C-alpha atoms as a PDB file:
ATOM      1  CA  MET A   1      74.706 138.627  59.641  1.00  0.00           C
ATOM      2  CA  LEU A   2      76.156 140.491  55.832  1.00  0.00           C
ATOM      3  CA  GLN A   3      79.890 139.062  55.297  1.00  0.00           C
ATOM      4  CA  PRO A   4      81.860 141.732  53.651  1.00  0.00           C
ATOM      5  CA  ASP A   5      82.706 140.894  49.797  1.00  0.00           C
ATOM      6  CA  LYS A   6      85.733 138.806  50.218  1.00  0.00           C
ATOM      7  CA  ALA A   7      87.058 140.013  46.749  1.00  0.00           C
ATOM      8  CA  ARG A   8      86.870 144.103  48.002  1.00  0.00           C
ATOM      9  CA  VAL A   9      88.619 142.754  52.125  1.00  0.00           C
ATOM     10  CA  ALA A  10      91.551 140.750  49.826  1.00  0.00           C
ATOM     11  CA  ARG A  11      92.610 144.124  47.977  1.00  0.00           C
ATOM     12  CA  LEU A  12      91.739 146.411  50.804  1.00  0.00           C
ATOM     13  CA  LEU A  13      94.143 143.645  52.746  1.00  0.00           C
ATOM     14  CA  ASN A  14      97.159 143.693  50.108  1.00  0.00           C
ATOM     15  CA  ARG A  15      96.784 147.574  50.082  1.00  0.00           C
ATOM     16  CA  TYR A  16      97.416 148.064  53.896  1.00  0.00           C
ATOM     17  CA  ARG A  17     100.713 145.928  53.634  1.00  0.00           C
ATOM     18  CA  ALA A  18     101.499 147.548  51.260  1.00  0.00           C
ATOM     19  CA  TRP A  19     101.439 150.852  53.260  1.00  0.00           C
ATOM     20  CA  GLU A  20     102.082 149.741  55.990  1.00  0.00           C
ATOM     21  CA  ARG A  21     105.797 148.745  54.770  1.00  0.00           C
ATOM     22  CA  MET A  22     106.148 151.307  53.265  1.00  0.00           C
ATOM     23  CA  MET A  23     105.330 153.717  56.725  1.00  0.00           C
ATOM     24  CA  LEU A  24     107.836 151.580  58.111  1.00  0.00           C
ATOM     25  CA  ALA A  25     110.117 151.693  55.564  1.00  0.00           C
ATOM     26  CA  ASP A  26     110.158 155.539  56.423  1.00  0.00           C
ATOM     27  CA  PRO A  27     108.066 156.398  59.212  1.00  0.00           C
ATOM     28  CA  SER A  28     109.276 160.494  58.908  1.00  0.00           C
ATOM     29  CA  ASN A  29     107.214 160.596  55.364  1.00  0.00           C
ATOM     30  CA  LEU A  30     103.546 162.002  56.662  1.00  0.00           C
ATOM     31  CA  THR A  31     101.943 161.424  52.772  1.00  0.00           C
ATOM     32  CA  VAL A  32     102.513 158.065  53.409  1.00  0.00           C
ATOM     33  CA  ARG A  33     101.775 158.073  56.857  1.00  0.00           C
ATOM     34  CA  ARG A  34      98.771 159.739  56.523  1.00  0.00           C
ATOM     35  CA  ARG A  35      97.576 156.382  53.444  1.00  0.00           C
ATOM     36  CA  PHE A  36      98.008 153.819  55.810  1.00  0.00           C
ATOM     37  CA  GLU A  37      95.992 155.101  58.286  1.00  0.00           C
ATOM     38  CA  ASP A  38      93.504 156.381  55.485  1.00  0.00           C
ATOM     39  CA  THR A  39      93.762 152.548  54.408  1.00  0.00           C
ATOM     40  CA  ALA A  40      93.382 150.837  57.872  1.00  0.00           C
ATOM     41  CA  TYR A  41      90.427 152.681  59.445  1.00  0.00           C
ATOM     42  CA  THR A  42      88.427 151.295  55.793  1.00  0.00           C
ATOM     43  CA  LEU A  43      89.852 148.147  57.322  1.00  0.00           C
ATOM     44  CA  CYS A  44      89.034 148.252  60.548  1.00  0.00           C
ATOM     45  CA  VAL A  45      85.313 150.336  59.407  1.00  0.00           C
ATOM     46  CA  LEU A  46      84.765 146.880  57.026  1.00  0.00           C
ATOM     47  CA  MET A  47      85.857 143.561  59.301  1.00  0.00           C
ATOM     48  CA  GLY A  48      84.102 145.799  62.804  1.00  0.00           C
ATOM     49  CA  ARG A  49      87.309 146.116  64.707  1.00  0.00           C
ATOM     50  CA  ARG A  50      88.601 148.658  67.299  1.00  0.00           C
ATOM     51  CA  ASN A  51      92.888 148.284  66.026  1.00  0.00           C
ATOM     52  CA  ALA A  52      94.386 147.797  62.640  1.00  0.00           C
ATOM     53  CA  ARG A  53      96.388 144.961  63.922  1.00  0.00           C
ATOM     54  CA  GLU A  54      93.291 143.098  65.017  1.00  0.00           C
ATOM     55  CA  ALA A  55      91.292 143.606  61.519  1.00  0.00           C
ATOM     56  CA  ALA A  56      94.153 142.571  59.381  1.00  0.00           C
ATOM     57  CA  LEU A  57      94.060 139.666  62.360  1.00  0.00           C
ATOM     58  CA  ALA A  58      90.584 139.462  61.070  1.00  0.00           C
ATOM     59  CA  ALA A  59      90.611 139.634  57.091  1.00  0.00           C
ATOM     60  CA  GLU A  60      93.274 137.284  56.968  1.00  0.00           C
ATOM     61  CA  SER A  61      91.789 135.167  59.441  1.00  0.00           C
ATOM     62  CA  TYR A  62      88.021 135.489  56.841  1.00  0.00           C
ATOM     63  CA  LEU A  63      89.754 135.082  53.888  1.00  0.00           C
ATOM     64  CA  TRP A  64      92.281 132.093  54.436  1.00  0.00           C
ATOM     65  CA  PRO A  65      90.359 130.412  57.539  1.00  0.00           C
ATOM     66  CA  SER A  66      93.383 127.359  57.621  1.00  0.00           C
ATOM     67  CA  ARG A  67      95.830 129.563  57.697  1.00  0.00           C
ATOM     68  CA  SER A  68      95.176 131.730  60.110  1.00  0.00           C
ATOM     69  CA  SER A  69      94.477 129.265  62.973  1.00  0.00           C
ATOM     70  CA  ARG A  70      98.050 129.839  64.417  1.00  0.00           C
ATOM     71  CA  ALA A  71      98.930 128.284  67.437  1.00  0.00           C
ATOM     72  CA  GLU A  72      99.267 130.425  70.386  1.00  0.00           C
ATOM     73  CA  PRO A  73     101.444 129.306  73.103  1.00  0.00           C
ATOM     74  CA  GLN A  74     100.235 127.267  75.629  1.00  0.00           C
ATOM     75  CA  VAL A  75     100.834 127.857  79.325  1.00  0.00           C
ATOM     76  CA  HIS A  76     100.588 125.278  81.649  1.00  0.00           C
ATOM     77  CA  GLU A  77     100.303 125.418  85.223  1.00  0.00           C
ATOM     78  CA  ALA A  78     104.321 123.561  85.389  1.00  0.00           C
ATOM     79  CA  ASP A  79     105.251 126.503  83.270  1.00  0.00           C
ATOM     80  CA  THR A  80     103.971 128.947  85.745  1.00  0.00           C
END
């Protein structure tokens, strides 16, 4: 299976995070929102994911496999 260029993924992920911060700071700015959505779409396509959150997590995992192994909270039968 072909893998995307890591430098391109890193640039796109950085751009996605920057637009995300700007969009969250000013959600009514339609230009910023549009750029964020365009970048999110490109990240989804590049990473083969259906939504931006999954694509960003996949990109982080692809770029930094040791850092992205965040442990999910374990649910034990005794806890439920």
